[in-house]
C-alpha atoms as a PDB file:
ATOM      1  CA  MET A   1     101.217 120.668  13.831  1.00  0.00           C
ATOM      2  CA  LYS A   2     101.450 117.080  15.612  1.00  0.00           C
ATOM      3  CA  LEU A   3     104.259 116.927  17.945  1.00  0.00           C
ATOM      4  CA  PRO A   4     105.742 113.134  18.622  1.00  0.00           C
ATOM      5  CA  HIS A   5     104.923 111.715  21.654  1.00  0.00           C
ATOM      6  CA  VAL A   6     108.439 111.974  23.006  1.00  0.00           C
ATOM      7  CA  LEU A   7     108.719 115.559  22.604  1.00  0.00           C
ATOM      8  CA  LEU A   8     105.258 115.930  24.517  1.00  0.00           C
ATOM      9  CA  ALA A   9     106.533 113.856  27.460  1.00  0.00           C
ATOM     10  CA  ALA A  10     110.111 115.670  27.558  1.00  0.00           C
ATOM     11  CA  PRO A  11     108.662 118.349  29.950  1.00  0.00           C
ATOM     12  CA  LEU A  12     107.514 115.644  32.596  1.00  0.00           C
ATOM     13  CA  ALA A  13     110.679 113.792  32.258  1.00  0.00           C
ATOM     14  CA  ILE A  14     113.155 116.631  32.923  1.00  0.00           C
ATOM     15  CA  PRO A  15     111.920 117.108  36.563  1.00  0.00           C
ATOM     16  CA  LEU A  16     112.362 113.466  37.276  1.00  0.00           C
ATOM     17  CA  ALA A  17     115.847 113.124  35.677  1.00  0.00           C
ATOM     18  CA  LEU A  18     116.828 116.149  37.792  1.00  0.00           C
ATOM     19  CA  ALA A  19     115.703 114.497  40.801  1.00  0.00           C
ATOM     20  CA  ALA A  20     117.584 111.555  40.289  1.00  0.00           C
ATOM     21  CA  CYS A  21     120.845 113.556  40.246  1.00  0.00           C
ATOM     22  CA  ASP A  22     122.948 113.210  43.248  1.00  0.00           C
ATOM     23  CA  GLY A  23     123.242 116.448  45.294  1.00  0.00           C
ATOM     24  CA  PRO A  24     126.526 117.766  46.982  1.00  0.00           C
ATOM     25  CA  ASN A  25     125.612 116.192  50.355  1.00  0.00           C
ATOM     26  CA  GLU A  26     124.550 112.881  48.919  1.00  0.00           C
ATOM     27  CA  GLN A  27     127.626 112.597  46.647  1.00  0.00           C
ATOM     28  CA  ALA A  28     130.058 113.496  49.782  1.00  0.00           C
ATOM     29  CA  GLY A  29     128.359 110.912  51.678  1.00  0.00           C
ATOM     30  CA  LYS A  30     128.936 108.366  48.850  1.00  0.00           C
ATOM     31  CA  LYS A  31     132.671 109.011  49.155  1.00  0.00           C
ATOM     32  CA  GLN A  32     132.806 108.530  52.939  1.00  0.00           C
ATOM     33  CA  ASP A  33     130.829 104.918  52.373  1.00  0.00           C
ATOM     34  CA  GLU A  34     133.164 104.184  49.722  1.00  0.00           C
ATOM     35  CA  ALA A  35     136.063 105.150  51.952  1.00  0.00           C
ATOM     36  CA  ALA A  36     134.474 103.111  55.022  1.00  0.00           C
ATOM     37  CA  ALA A  37     134.053  99.970  53.018  1.00  0.00           C
ATOM     38  CA  THR A  38     137.455 100.275  51.436  1.00  0.00           C
ATOM     39  CA  ALA A  39     138.774 100.536  55.236  1.00  0.00           C
ATOM     40  CA  ALA A  40     136.470  97.535  56.221  1.00  0.00           C
ATOM     41  CA  GLY A  41     138.144  95.500  53.227  1.00  0.00           C
ATOM     42  CA  VAL A  42     134.298  95.149  51.977  1.00  0.00           C
ATOM     43  CA  GLU A  43     133.225  95.673  48.461  1.00  0.00           C
ATOM     44  CA  TYR A  44     131.402  98.919  48.220  1.00  0.00           C
ATOM     45  CA  ASP A  45     127.628  97.924  46.949  1.00  0.00           C
ATOM     46  CA  GLY A  46     126.654 101.302  45.769  1.00  0.00           C
ATOM     47  CA  THR A  47     124.661 102.799  48.698  1.00  0.00           C
ATOM     48  CA  GLY A  48     125.547 103.524  52.225  1.00  0.00           C
ATOM     49  CA  PRO A  49     124.022 105.221  55.361  1.00  0.00           C
ATOM     50  CA  ALA A  50     126.260 108.511  54.798  1.00  0.00           C
ATOM     51  CA  GLU A  51     124.805 108.552  51.051  1.00  0.00           C
ATOM     52  CA  ARG A  52     121.376 108.475  52.168  1.00  0.00           C
ATOM     53  CA  ALA A  53     121.887 110.835  55.085  1.00  0.00           C
ATOM     54  CA  GLY A  54     123.261 113.121  52.410  1.00  0.00           C
ATOM     55  CA  GLU A  55     120.530 112.653  50.188  1.00  0.00           C
ATOM     56  CA  VAL A  56     118.196 113.528  52.912  1.00  0.00           C
ATOM     57  CA  ARG A  57     120.199 116.947  53.512  1.00  0.00           C
ATOM     58  CA  ASP A  58     119.970 117.691  49.905  1.00  0.00           C
ATOM     59  CA  LYS A  59     116.412 117.300  49.943  1.00  0.00           C
ATOM     60  CA  ALA A  60     116.129 119.313  52.990  1.00  0.00           C
ATOM     61  CA  ASP A  61     118.376 122.146  51.591  1.00  0.00           C
ATOM     62  CA  ALA A  62     116.379 122.236  48.297  1.00  0.00           C
ATOM     63  CA  ALA A  63     112.779 122.433  50.228  1.00  0.00           C
ATOM     64  CA  SER A  64     114.509 125.232  52.320  1.00  0.00           C
ATOM     65  CA  ARG A  65     115.720 127.005  49.185  1.00  0.00           C
ATOM     66  CA  LYS A  66     112.015 126.624  47.438  1.00  0.00           C
ATOM     67  CA  ALA A  67     110.626 127.788  50.875  1.00  0.00           C
ATOM     68  CA  ARG A  68     113.044 130.969  50.889  1.00  0.00           C
ATOM     69  CA  GLU A  69     111.889 131.384  47.020  1.00  0.00           C
ATOM     70  CA  ALA A  70     108.301 131.369  47.710  1.00  0.00           C
ATOM     71  CA  SER A  71     108.737 133.749  50.428  1.00  0.00           C
ATOM     72  CA  ALA A  72     110.840 136.133  48.289  1.00  0.00           C
ATOM     73  CA  ASP A  73     108.119 135.822  45.599  1.00  0.00           C
ATOM     74  CA  ALA A  74     105.249 136.553  48.066  1.00  0.00           C
ATOM     75  CA  LEU A  75     107.174 139.457  49.240  1.00  0.00           C
ATOM     76  CA  GLU A  76     107.886 140.690  45.774  1.00  0.00           C
ATOM     77  CA  ALA A  77     104.327 140.530  44.937  1.00  0.00           C
ATOM     78  CA  LYS A  78     103.427 142.346  48.121  1.00  0.00           C
ATOM     79  CA  ALA A  79     105.563 145.034  47.208  1.00  0.00           C
ATOM     80  CA  THR A  80     103.739 145.398  43.762  1.00  0.00           C
ATOM     81  CA  ALA A  81     100.644 145.707  45.629  1.00  0.00           C
ATOM     82  CA  VAL A  82     101.941 148.411  47.684  1.00  0.00           C
ATOM     83  CA  GLU A  83     102.959 150.315  44.506  1.00  0.00           C
ATOM     84  CA  ARG A  84      99.759 149.837  42.753  1.00  0.00           C
ATOM     85  CA  GLU A  85      98.011 150.907  45.986  1.00  0.00           C
ATOM     86  CA  ALA A  86     100.179 154.087  45.999  1.00  0.00           C
ATOM     87  CA  ASP A  87      99.727 154.860  42.467  1.00  0.00           C
ATOM     88  CA  VAL A  88      95.856 154.873  43.051  1.00  0.00           C
ATOM     89  CA  ALA A  89      95.940 157.038  45.966  1.00  0.00           C
ATOM     90  CA  ALA A  90      98.346 159.177  44.228  1.00  0.00           C
ATOM     91  CA  GLU A  91      96.132 159.269  40.851  1.00  0.00           C
ATOM     92  CA  LYS A  92      93.042 160.246  43.502  1.00  0.00           C
ATOM     93  CA  LEU A  93      95.270 163.110  45.029  1.00  0.00           C
ATOM     94  CA  GLU A  94      96.057 164.556  41.713  1.00  0.00           C
ATOM     95  CA  ALA A  95      92.572 164.713  40.657  1.00  0.00           C
ATOM     96  CA  GLU A  96      91.485 166.228  44.045  1.00  0.00           C
ATOM     97  CA  ALA A  97      94.382 168.776  43.611  1.00  0.00           C
ATOM     98  CA  GLU A  98      93.148 169.453  40.069  1.00  0.00           C
ATOM     99  CA  ARG A  99      89.546 170.257  41.439  1.00  0.00           C
ATOM    100  CA  LEU A 100      90.944 172.493  44.078  1.00  0.00           C
ATOM    101  CA  ARG A 101      93.163 174.355  41.515  1.00  0.00           C
ATOM    102  CA  ASP A 102      90.063 174.617  39.293  1.00  0.00           C
ATOM    103  CA  ALA A 103      87.919 175.984  42.040  1.00  0.00           C
ATOM    104  CA  ALA A 104      90.516 178.360  43.231  1.00  0.00           C
ATOM    105  CA  GLU A 105      90.983 179.858  39.493  1.00  0.00           C
ATOM    106  CA  LYS A 106      87.285 180.245  39.354  1.00  0.00           C
ATOM    107  CA  GLN A 107      86.973 181.803  42.768  1.00  0.00           C
ATOM    108  CA  ALA A 108      90.237 184.107  41.687  1.00  0.00           C
ATOM    109  CA  GLU A 109      88.461 185.246  38.368  1.00  0.00           C
ATOM    110  CA  GLY A 110      85.223 186.146  40.481  1.00  0.00           C
ATOM    111  CA  LEU A 111      87.252 188.263  42.844  1.00  0.00           C
ATOM    112  CA  LYS A 112      89.246 189.808  40.019  1.00  0.00           C
ATOM    113  CA  ARG A 113      85.977 191.008  38.130  1.00  0.00           C
ATOM    114  CA  GLU A 114      84.726 192.302  41.597  1.00  0.00           C
ATOM    115  CA  ALA A 115      87.688 194.071  42.037  1.00  0.00           C
ATOM    116  CA  GLN A 116      87.468 195.691  38.255  1.00  0.00           C
ATOM    117  CA  GLN A 117      83.909 196.666  39.174  1.00  0.00           C
ATOM    118  CA  VAL A 118      85.055 198.460  42.325  1.00  0.00           C
ATOM    119  CA  GLU A 119      87.765 200.172  40.474  1.00  0.00           C
ATOM    120  CA  GLN A 120      85.457 201.323  37.798  1.00  0.00           C
ATOM    121  CA  SER A 121      82.582 202.384  40.301  1.00  0.00           C
ATOM    122  CA  SER A 122      84.659 204.696  42.395  1.00  0.00           C
ATOM    123  CA  PRO A 123      84.486 208.331  41.919  1.00  0.00           C
ATOM    124  CA  ARG A 124      87.609 209.913  40.468  1.00  0.00           C
END
């Protein structure tokens, strides 16, 4: 099935569209710039220093959020690895316990046979 080129390009365009959205700090800065322009009696041209500073804060917040998410992902991966290591160690211990039980059972059977022989060989 052949997909139209527009559908193939859509996954690439979505992050770009999201990047163009104004973040909360940028929006607040825009309002500040508009208010300052109105107070100064000049026409607001659609951009200003508070808006740009807000955009920088939004980008820093996003980068910080991504770093926290990456850190959390790494910790989750480490937790999974620790659980897997514990599972492997537990399986080894279970196998060793089974070997010990088998050896103890064989030894006990031998001792029981020996006890029967002692009982049978005793004069009555």
